[in-house]
Amino acid sequence: LTSKHGAGAARTYGQVNEAALAWIAERVERDGIDCD
């Protein structure tokens, strides 16, 4: 991503993926999802 689109694109990709991981963890906790 950095090579093709620049460091900003790679940073955005990382931030979006990290936000998605945090969202998933929050939903599991909030909704009491038993998914290990």
All heavy atoms as atom14 arrays in JSON, in Angstrom:
{
  "sequence": "LTSKHGAGAARTYGQVNEAALAWIAERVERDGIDCD",
  "atom14_mask": [
    [1, 1, 1, 1, 1, 1, 1, 1, 0, 0, 0, 0, 0, 0],
    [1, 1, 1, 1, 1, 1, 1, 0, 0, 0, 0, 0, 0, 0],
    [1, 1, 1, 1, 1, 1, 0, 0, 0, 0, 0, 0, 0, 0],
    [1, 1, 1, 1, 1, 1, 1, 1, 1, 0, 0, 0, 0, 0],
    [1, 1, 1, 1, 1, 1, 1, 1, 1, 1, 0, 0, 0, 0],
    [1, 1, 1, 1, 0, 0, 0, 0, 0, 0, 0, 0, 0, 0],
    [1, 1, 1, 1, 1, 0, 0, 0, 0, 0, 0, 0, 0, 0],
    [1, 1, 1, 1, 0, 0, 0, 0, 0, 0, 0, 0, 0, 0],
    [1, 1, 1, 1, 1, 0, 0, 0, 0, 0, 0, 0, 0, 0],
    [1, 1, 1, 1, 1, 0, 0, 0, 0, 0, 0, 0, 0, 0],
    [1, 1, 1, 1, 1, 1, 1, 1, 1, 1, 1, 0, 0, 0],
    [1, 1, 1, 1, 1, 1, 1, 0, 0, 0, 0, 0, 0, 0],
    [1, 1, 1, 1, 1, 1, 1, 1, 1, 1, 1, 1, 0, 0],
    [1, 1, 1, 1, 0, 0, 0, 0, 0, 0, 0, 0, 0, 0],
    [1, 1, 1, 1, 1, 1, 1, 1, 1, 0, 0, 0, 0, 0],
    [1, 1, 1, 1, 1, 1, 1, 0, 0, 0, 0, 0, 0, 0],
    [1, 1, 1, 1, 1, 1, 1, 1, 0, 0, 0, 0, 0, 0],
    [1, 1, 1, 1, 1, 1, 1, 1, 1, 0, 0, 0, 0, 0],
    [1, 1, 1, 1, 1, 0, 0, 0, 0, 0, 0, 0, 0, 0],
    [1, 1, 1, 1, 1, 0, 0, 0, 0, 0, 0, 0, 0, 0],
    [1, 1, 1, 1, 1, 1, 1, 1, 0, 0, 0, 0, 0, 0],
    [1, 1, 1, 1, 1, 0, 0, 0, 0, 0, 0, 0, 0, 0],
    [1, 1, 1, 1, 1, 1, 1, 1, 1, 1, 1, 1, 1, 1],
    [1, 1, 1, 1, 1, 1, 1, 1, 0, 0, 0, 0, 0, 0],
    [1, 1, 1, 1, 1, 0, 0, 0, 0, 0, 0, 0, 0, 0],
    [1, 1, 1, 1, 1, 1, 1, 1, 1, 0, 0, 0, 0, 0],
    [1, 1, 1, 1, 1, 1, 1, 1, 1, 1, 1, 0, 0, 0],
    [1, 1, 1, 1, 1, 1, 1, 0, 0, 0, 0, 0, 0, 0],
    [1, 1, 1, 1, 1, 1, 1, 1, 1, 0, 0, 0, 0, 0],
    [1, 1, 1, 1, 1, 1, 1, 1, 1, 1, 1, 0, 0, 0],
    [1, 1, 1, 1, 1, 1, 1, 1, 0, 0, 0, 0, 0, 0],
    [1, 1, 1, 1, 0, 0, 0, 0, 0, 0, 0, 0, 0, 0],
    [1, 1, 1, 1, 1, 1, 1, 1, 0, 0, 0, 0, 0, 0],
    [1, 1, 1, 1, 1, 1, 1, 1, 0, 0, 0, 0, 0, 0],
    [1, 1, 1, 1, 1, 1, 0, 0, 0, 0, 0, 0, 0, 0],
    [1, 1, 1, 1, 1, 1, 1, 1, 0, 0, 0, 0, 0, 0]
  ],
  "atom14_positions": [
    [[0.83, -1.21, 0.0], [0.0, 0.0, 0.0], [0.86, 1.26, 0.0], [0.57, 2.22, -0.72], [-0.92, 0.02, 1.22], [-2.15, -0.85, 1.14], [-2.83, -0.93, 2.5], [-3.11, -0.32, 0.08], [0.0, 0.0, 0.0], [0.0, 0.0, 0.0], [0.0, 0.0, 0.0], [0.0, 0.0, 0.0], [0.0, 0.0, 0.0], [0.0, 0.0, 0.0]],
    [[1.9, 1.25, 0.82], [2.8, 2.41, 0.89], [3.45, 2.65, -0.46], [3.52, 3.79, -0.93], [3.87, 2.21, 1.98], [3.19, 2.04, 3.24], [4.81, 3.39, 2.06], [0.0, 0.0, 0.0], [0.0, 0.0, 0.0], [0.0, 0.0, 0.0], [0.0, 0.0, 0.0], [0.0, 0.0, 0.0], [0.0, 0.0, 0.0], [0.0, 0.0, 0.0]],
    [[3.92, 1.59, -1.09], [4.58, 1.71, -2.39], [3.63, 2.21, -3.48], [3.98, 3.09, -4.26], [5.16, 0.35, -2.79], [5.7, 0.4, -4.08], [0.0, 0.0, 0.0], [0.0, 0.0, 0.0], [0.0, 0.0, 0.0], [0.0, 0.0, 0.0], [0.0, 0.0, 0.0], [0.0, 0.0, 0.0], [0.0, 0.0, 0.0], [0.0, 0.0, 0.0]],
    [[2.42, 1.68, -3.52], [1.48, 2.02, -4.58], [0.7, 3.3, -4.33], [0.37, 4.02, -5.28], [0.5, 0.88, -4.81], [1.1, -0.33, -5.48], [0.04, -1.36, -5.8], [0.66, -2.51, -6.56], [-0.34, -3.48, -7.01], [0.0, 0.0, 0.0], [0.0, 0.0, 0.0], [0.0, 0.0, 0.0], [0.0, 0.0, 0.0], [0.0, 0.0, 0.0]],
    [[0.33, 3.55, -3.04], [-0.59, 4.64, -2.77], [-0.09, 5.64, -1.73], [-0.79, 6.61, -1.44], [-1.94, 4.08, -2.31], [-2.53, 3.13, -3.29], [-3.08, 3.52, -4.48], [-2.66, 1.78, -3.24], [-3.53, 2.46, -5.14], [-3.27, 1.38, -4.41], [0.0, 0.0, 0.0], [0.0, 0.0, 0.0], [0.0, 0.0, 0.0], [0.0, 0.0, 0.0]],
    [[1.07, 5.39, -1.15], [1.63, 6.33, -0.18], [1.37, 5.91, 1.26], [0.49, 5.09, 1.55], [0.0, 0.0, 0.0], [0.0, 0.0, 0.0], [0.0, 0.0, 0.0], [0.0, 0.0, 0.0], [0.0, 0.0, 0.0], [0.0, 0.0, 0.0], [0.0, 0.0, 0.0], [0.0, 0.0, 0.0], [0.0, 0.0, 0.0], [0.0, 0.0, 0.0]],
    [[2.14, 6.53, 2.16], [2.05, 6.2, 3.58], [0.68, 6.54, 4.15], [0.19, 5.84, 5.04], [3.14, 6.93, 4.35], [0.0, 0.0, 0.0], [0.0, 0.0, 0.0], [0.0, 0.0, 0.0], [0.0, 0.0, 0.0], [0.0, 0.0, 0.0], [0.0, 0.0, 0.0], [0.0, 0.0, 0.0], [0.0, 0.0, 0.0], [0.0, 0.0, 0.0]],
    [[0.04, 7.57, 3.64], [-1.28, 7.94, 4.14], [-2.32, 6.86, 3.9], [-3.16, 6.59, 4.76], [0.0, 0.0, 0.0], [0.0, 0.0, 0.0], [0.0, 0.0, 0.0], [0.0, 0.0, 0.0], [0.0, 0.0, 0.0], [0.0, 0.0, 0.0], [0.0, 0.0, 0.0], [0.0, 0.0, 0.0], [0.0, 0.0, 0.0], [0.0, 0.0, 0.0]],
    [[-2.26, 6.24, 2.74], [-3.21, 5.16, 2.43], [-2.96, 3.97, 3.34], [-3.92, 3.36, 3.84], [-3.08, 4.75, 0.96], [0.0, 0.0, 0.0], [0.0, 0.0, 0.0], [0.0, 0.0, 0.0], [0.0, 0.0, 0.0], [0.0, 0.0, 0.0], [0.0, 0.0, 0.0], [0.0, 0.0, 0.0], [0.0, 0.0, 0.0], [0.0, 0.0, 0.0]],
    [[-1.71, 3.63, 3.58], [-1.39, 2.51, 4.47], [-1.85, 2.83, 5.88], [-2.4, 1.96, 6.58], [0.1, 2.21, 4.44], [0.0, 0.0, 0.0], [0.0, 0.0, 0.0], [0.0, 0.0, 0.0], [0.0, 0.0, 0.0], [0.0, 0.0, 0.0], [0.0, 0.0, 0.0], [0.0, 0.0, 0.0], [0.0, 0.0, 0.0], [0.0, 0.0, 0.0]],
    [[-1.66, 4.07, 6.32], [-2.1, 4.48, 7.66], [-3.63, 4.38, 7.78], [-4.16, 3.86, 8.76], [-1.62, 5.89, 7.96], [-1.8, 6.33, 9.37], [-1.09, 7.65, 9.71], [-0.88, 8.55, 8.6], [0.26, 8.66, 7.88], [1.3, 7.89, 8.17], [0.37, 9.51, 6.89], [0.0, 0.0, 0.0], [0.0, 0.0, 0.0], [0.0, 0.0, 0.0]],
    [[-4.34, 4.85, 6.76], [-5.8, 4.77, 6.77], [-6.26, 3.32, 6.81], [-7.16, 2.97, 7.57], [-6.38, 5.48, 5.54], [-6.01, 6.87, 5.59], [-7.9, 5.36, 5.48], [0.0, 0.0, 0.0], [0.0, 0.0, 0.0], [0.0, 0.0, 0.0], [0.0, 0.0, 0.0], [0.0, 0.0, 0.0], [0.0, 0.0, 0.0], [0.0, 0.0, 0.0]],
    [[-5.64, 2.47, 6.01], [-5.98, 1.05, 5.99], [-5.78, 0.44, 7.38], [-6.64, -0.29, 7.89], [-5.11, 0.35, 4.96], [-5.4, -1.12, 4.77], [-6.44, -1.55, 3.95], [-4.62, -2.09, 5.39], [-6.69, -2.9, 3.76], [-4.87, -3.43, 5.21], [-5.9, -3.84, 4.38], [-6.16, -5.17, 4.21], [0.0, 0.0, 0.0], [0.0, 0.0, 0.0]],
    [[-4.66, 0.76, 8.02], [-4.39, 0.24, 9.36], [-5.38, 0.76, 10.38], [-5.88, 0.0, 11.21], [0.0, 0.0, 0.0], [0.0, 0.0, 0.0], [0.0, 0.0, 0.0], [0.0, 0.0, 0.0], [0.0, 0.0, 0.0], [0.0, 0.0, 0.0], [0.0, 0.0, 0.0], [0.0, 0.0, 0.0], [0.0, 0.0, 0.0], [0.0, 0.0, 0.0]],
    [[-5.7, 2.05, 10.32], [-6.64, 2.64, 11.27], [-8.04, 2.03, 11.13], [-8.69, 1.73, 12.13], [-6.71, 4.15, 11.08], [-5.47, 4.87, 11.54], [-5.45, 6.34, 11.13], [-6.21, 6.78, 10.27], [-4.57, 7.1, 11.76], [0.0, 0.0, 0.0], [0.0, 0.0, 0.0], [0.0, 0.0, 0.0], [0.0, 0.0, 0.0], [0.0, 0.0, 0.0]],
    [[-8.47, 1.84, 9.9], [-9.79, 1.26, 9.67], [-9.84, -0.18, 10.17], [-10.81, -0.59, 10.82], [-10.16, 1.35, 8.17], [-11.38, 0.51, 7.84], [-10.37, 2.79, 7.76], [0.0, 0.0, 0.0], [0.0, 0.0, 0.0], [0.0, 0.0, 0.0], [0.0, 0.0, 0.0], [0.0, 0.0, 0.0], [0.0, 0.0, 0.0], [0.0, 0.0, 0.0]],
    [[-8.8, -0.94, 9.91], [-8.77, -2.33, 10.38], [-8.7, -2.4, 11.9], [-9.37, -3.22, 12.52], [-7.6, -3.08, 9.75], [-7.94, -3.59, 8.37], [-8.61, -4.6, 8.25], [-7.53, -2.88, 7.35], [0.0, 0.0, 0.0], [0.0, 0.0, 0.0], [0.0, 0.0, 0.0], [0.0, 0.0, 0.0], [0.0, 0.0, 0.0], [0.0, 0.0, 0.0]],
    [[-7.91, -1.54, 12.52], [-7.83, -1.52, 13.98], [-9.16, -1.09, 14.59], [-9.6, -1.64, 15.61], [-6.71, -0.59, 14.45], [-5.32, -1.15, 14.23], [-5.03, -2.35, 15.11], [-5.04, -2.21, 16.35], [-4.81, -3.45, 14.56], [0.0, 0.0, 0.0], [0.0, 0.0, 0.0], [0.0, 0.0, 0.0], [0.0, 0.0, 0.0], [0.0, 0.0, 0.0]],
    [[-9.84, -0.13, 13.97], [-11.16, 0.3, 14.44], [-12.17, -0.85, 14.33], [-13.01, -1.04, 15.22], [-11.64, 1.52, 13.66], [0.0, 0.0, 0.0], [0.0, 0.0, 0.0], [0.0, 0.0, 0.0], [0.0, 0.0, 0.0], [0.0, 0.0, 0.0], [0.0, 0.0, 0.0], [0.0, 0.0, 0.0], [0.0, 0.0, 0.0], [0.0, 0.0, 0.0]],
    [[-12.07, -1.61, 13.26], [-12.97, -2.76, 13.09], [-12.73, -3.81, 14.17], [-13.68, -4.37, 14.72], [-12.8, -3.37, 11.7], [0.0, 0.0, 0.0], [0.0, 0.0, 0.0], [0.0, 0.0, 0.0], [0.0, 0.0, 0.0], [0.0, 0.0, 0.0], [0.0, 0.0, 0.0], [0.0, 0.0, 0.0], [0.0, 0.0, 0.0], [0.0, 0.0, 0.0]],
    [[-11.47, -4.06, 14.5], [-11.16, -5.02, 15.57], [-11.71, -4.54, 16.91], [-12.28, -5.33, 17.67], [-9.65, -5.22, 15.67], [-8.99, -5.94, 14.51], [-7.47, -5.92, 14.67], [-9.49, -7.35, 14.38], [0.0, 0.0, 0.0], [0.0, 0.0, 0.0], [0.0, 0.0, 0.0], [0.0, 0.0, 0.0], [0.0, 0.0, 0.0], [0.0, 0.0, 0.0]],
    [[-11.55, -3.26, 17.19], [-12.08, -2.7, 18.44], [-13.6, -2.78, 18.46], [-14.21, -3.11, 19.48], [-11.62, -1.25, 18.6], [0.0, 0.0, 0.0], [0.0, 0.0, 0.0], [0.0, 0.0, 0.0], [0.0, 0.0, 0.0], [0.0, 0.0, 0.0], [0.0, 0.0, 0.0], [0.0, 0.0, 0.0], [0.0, 0.0, 0.0], [0.0, 0.0, 0.0]],
    [[-14.24, -2.53, 17.31], [-15.69, -2.6, 17.22], [-16.18, -4.02, 17.48], [-17.14, -4.24, 18.21], [-16.15, -2.12, 15.85], [-17.62, -2.15, 15.66], [-18.51, -1.18, 16.0], [-18.4, -3.21, 15.08], [-19.79, -1.57, 15.67], [-19.75, -2.82, 15.11], [-18.07, -4.46, 14.55], [-20.77, -3.62, 14.62], [-19.09, -5.27, 14.07], [-20.42, -4.84, 14.11]],
    [[-15.5, -4.99, 16.9], [-15.87, -6.39, 17.1], [-15.76, -6.76, 18.58], [-16.67, -7.36, 19.15], [-15.01, -7.33, 16.23], [-15.38, -7.16, 14.76], [-15.16, -8.79, 16.67], [-14.4, -7.81, 13.79], [0.0, 0.0, 0.0], [0.0, 0.0, 0.0], [0.0, 0.0, 0.0], [0.0, 0.0, 0.0], [0.0, 0.0, 0.0], [0.0, 0.0, 0.0]],
    [[-14.65, -6.4, 19.21], [-14.45, -6.72, 20.63], [-15.53, -6.05, 21.48], [-16.06, -6.66, 22.41], [-13.06, -6.29, 21.07], [0.0, 0.0, 0.0], [0.0, 0.0, 0.0], [0.0, 0.0, 0.0], [0.0, 0.0, 0.0], [0.0, 0.0, 0.0], [0.0, 0.0, 0.0], [0.0, 0.0, 0.0], [0.0, 0.0, 0.0], [0.0, 0.0, 0.0]],
    [[-15.88, -4.83, 21.14], [-16.91, -4.1, 21.89], [-18.26, -4.77, 21.72], [-19.02, -4.91, 22.66], [-16.96, -2.64, 21.41], [-17.87, -1.75, 22.24], [-19.32, -1.78, 21.77], [-19.57, -1.9, 20.56], [-20.22, -1.7, 22.64], [0.0, 0.0, 0.0], [0.0, 0.0, 0.0], [0.0, 0.0, 0.0], [0.0, 0.0, 0.0], [0.0, 0.0, 0.0]],
    [[-18.58, -5.21, 20.51], [-19.87, -5.87, 20.26], [-19.95, -7.2, 20.99], [-20.99, -7.56, 21.52], [-20.07, -6.11, 18.76], [-20.3, -4.88, 17.93], [-21.52, -4.12, 18.36], [-22.73, -4.89, 18.25], [-23.83, -4.48, 17.66], [-23.88, -3.28, 17.12], [-24.9, -5.24, 17.6], [0.0, 0.0, 0.0], [0.0, 0.0, 0.0], [0.0, 0.0, 0.0]],
    [[-18.87, -7.94, 21.01], [-18.85, -9.22, 21.72], [-19.13, -8.98, 23.2], [-19.96, -9.68, 23.81], [-17.5, -9.94, 21.51], [-17.31, -11.08, 22.5], [-17.38, -10.43, 20.08], [0.0, 0.0, 0.0], [0.0, 0.0, 0.0], [0.0, 0.0, 0.0], [0.0, 0.0, 0.0], [0.0, 0.0, 0.0], [0.0, 0.0, 0.0], [0.0, 0.0, 0.0]],
    [[-18.47, -7.99, 23.77], [-18.67, -7.66, 25.19], [-20.08, -7.13, 25.43], [-20.79, -7.61, 26.32], [-17.62, -6.62, 25.62], [-17.74, -6.2, 27.06], [-17.34, -7.29, 28.03], [-16.53, -8.16, 27.67], [-17.85, -7.28, 29.17], [0.0, 0.0, 0.0], [0.0, 0.0, 0.0], [0.0, 0.0, 0.0], [0.0, 0.0, 0.0], [0.0, 0.0, 0.0]],
    [[-20.49, -6.16, 24.65], [-21.79, -5.5, 24.84], [-22.96, -6.47, 24.67], [-23.91, -6.45, 25.43], [-21.95, -4.34, 23.86], [-23.22, -3.52, 24.11], [-23.43, -2.51, 23.05], [-24.3, -3.13, 22.04], [-24.59, -2.59, 20.89], [-24.06, -1.46, 20.55], [-25.39, -3.2, 20.06], [0.0, 0.0, 0.0], [0.0, 0.0, 0.0], [0.0, 0.0, 0.0]],
    [[-22.89, -7.32, 23.67], [-23.99, -8.22, 23.36], [-23.87, -9.57, 24.05], [-24.71, -10.44, 23.87], [-24.11, -8.42, 21.85], [-24.44, -7.13, 21.12], [-24.92, -6.16, 21.76], [-24.23, -7.08, 19.89], [0.0, 0.0, 0.0], [0.0, 0.0, 0.0], [0.0, 0.0, 0.0], [0.0, 0.0, 0.0], [0.0, 0.0, 0.0], [0.0, 0.0, 0.0]],
    [[-22.79, -9.77, 24.84], [-22.6, -11.03, 25.54], [-22.49, -12.22, 24.6], [-23.0, -13.29, 24.88], [0.0, 0.0, 0.0], [0.0, 0.0, 0.0], [0.0, 0.0, 0.0], [0.0, 0.0, 0.0], [0.0, 0.0, 0.0], [0.0, 0.0, 0.0], [0.0, 0.0, 0.0], [0.0, 0.0, 0.0], [0.0, 0.0, 0.0], [0.0, 0.0, 0.0]],
    [[-21.77, -12.02, 23.49], [-21.64, -13.07, 22.49], [-20.61, -14.09, 22.97], [-19.47, -13.76, 23.24], [-21.23, -12.48, 21.13], [-22.3, -11.5, 20.65], [-20.99, -13.59, 20.1], [-21.87, -10.67, 19.46], [0.0, 0.0, 0.0], [0.0, 0.0, 0.0], [0.0, 0.0, 0.0], [0.0, 0.0, 0.0], [0.0, 0.0, 0.0], [0.0, 0.0, 0.0]],
    [[-21.02, -15.33, 23.07], [-20.16, -16.41, 23.53], [-19.42, -17.0, 22.33], [-19.85, -17.98, 21.74], [-20.98, -17.49, 24.23], [-20.12, -18.6, 24.81], [-18.89, -18.41, 24.92], [-20.67, -19.66, 25.14], [0.0, 0.0, 0.0], [0.0, 0.0, 0.0], [0.0, 0.0, 0.0], [0.0, 0.0, 0.0], [0.0, 0.0, 0.0], [0.0, 0.0, 0.0]],
    [[-18.32, -16.36, 21.95], [-17.62, -16.79, 20.74], [-16.14, -17.06, 20.99], [-15.38, -17.28, 20.06], [-17.77, -15.74, 19.65], [-16.99, -14.16, 20.06], [0.0, 0.0, 0.0], [0.0, 0.0, 0.0], [0.0, 0.0, 0.0], [0.0, 0.0, 0.0], [0.0, 0.0, 0.0], [0.0, 0.0, 0.0], [0.0, 0.0, 0.0], [0.0, 0.0, 0.0]],
    [[-15.72, -17.03, 22.26], [-14.33, -17.32, 22.61], [-13.35, -16.37, 21.92], [-12.28, -16.78, 21.46], [-13.99, -18.78, 22.28], [-12.71, -19.24, 22.98], [-12.39, -18.7, 24.04], [-12.04, -20.14, 22.44], [0.0, 0.0, 0.0], [0.0, 0.0, 0.0], [0.0, 0.0, 0.0], [0.0, 0.0, 0.0], [0.0, 0.0, 0.0], [0.0, 0.0, 0.0]]
  ]
}
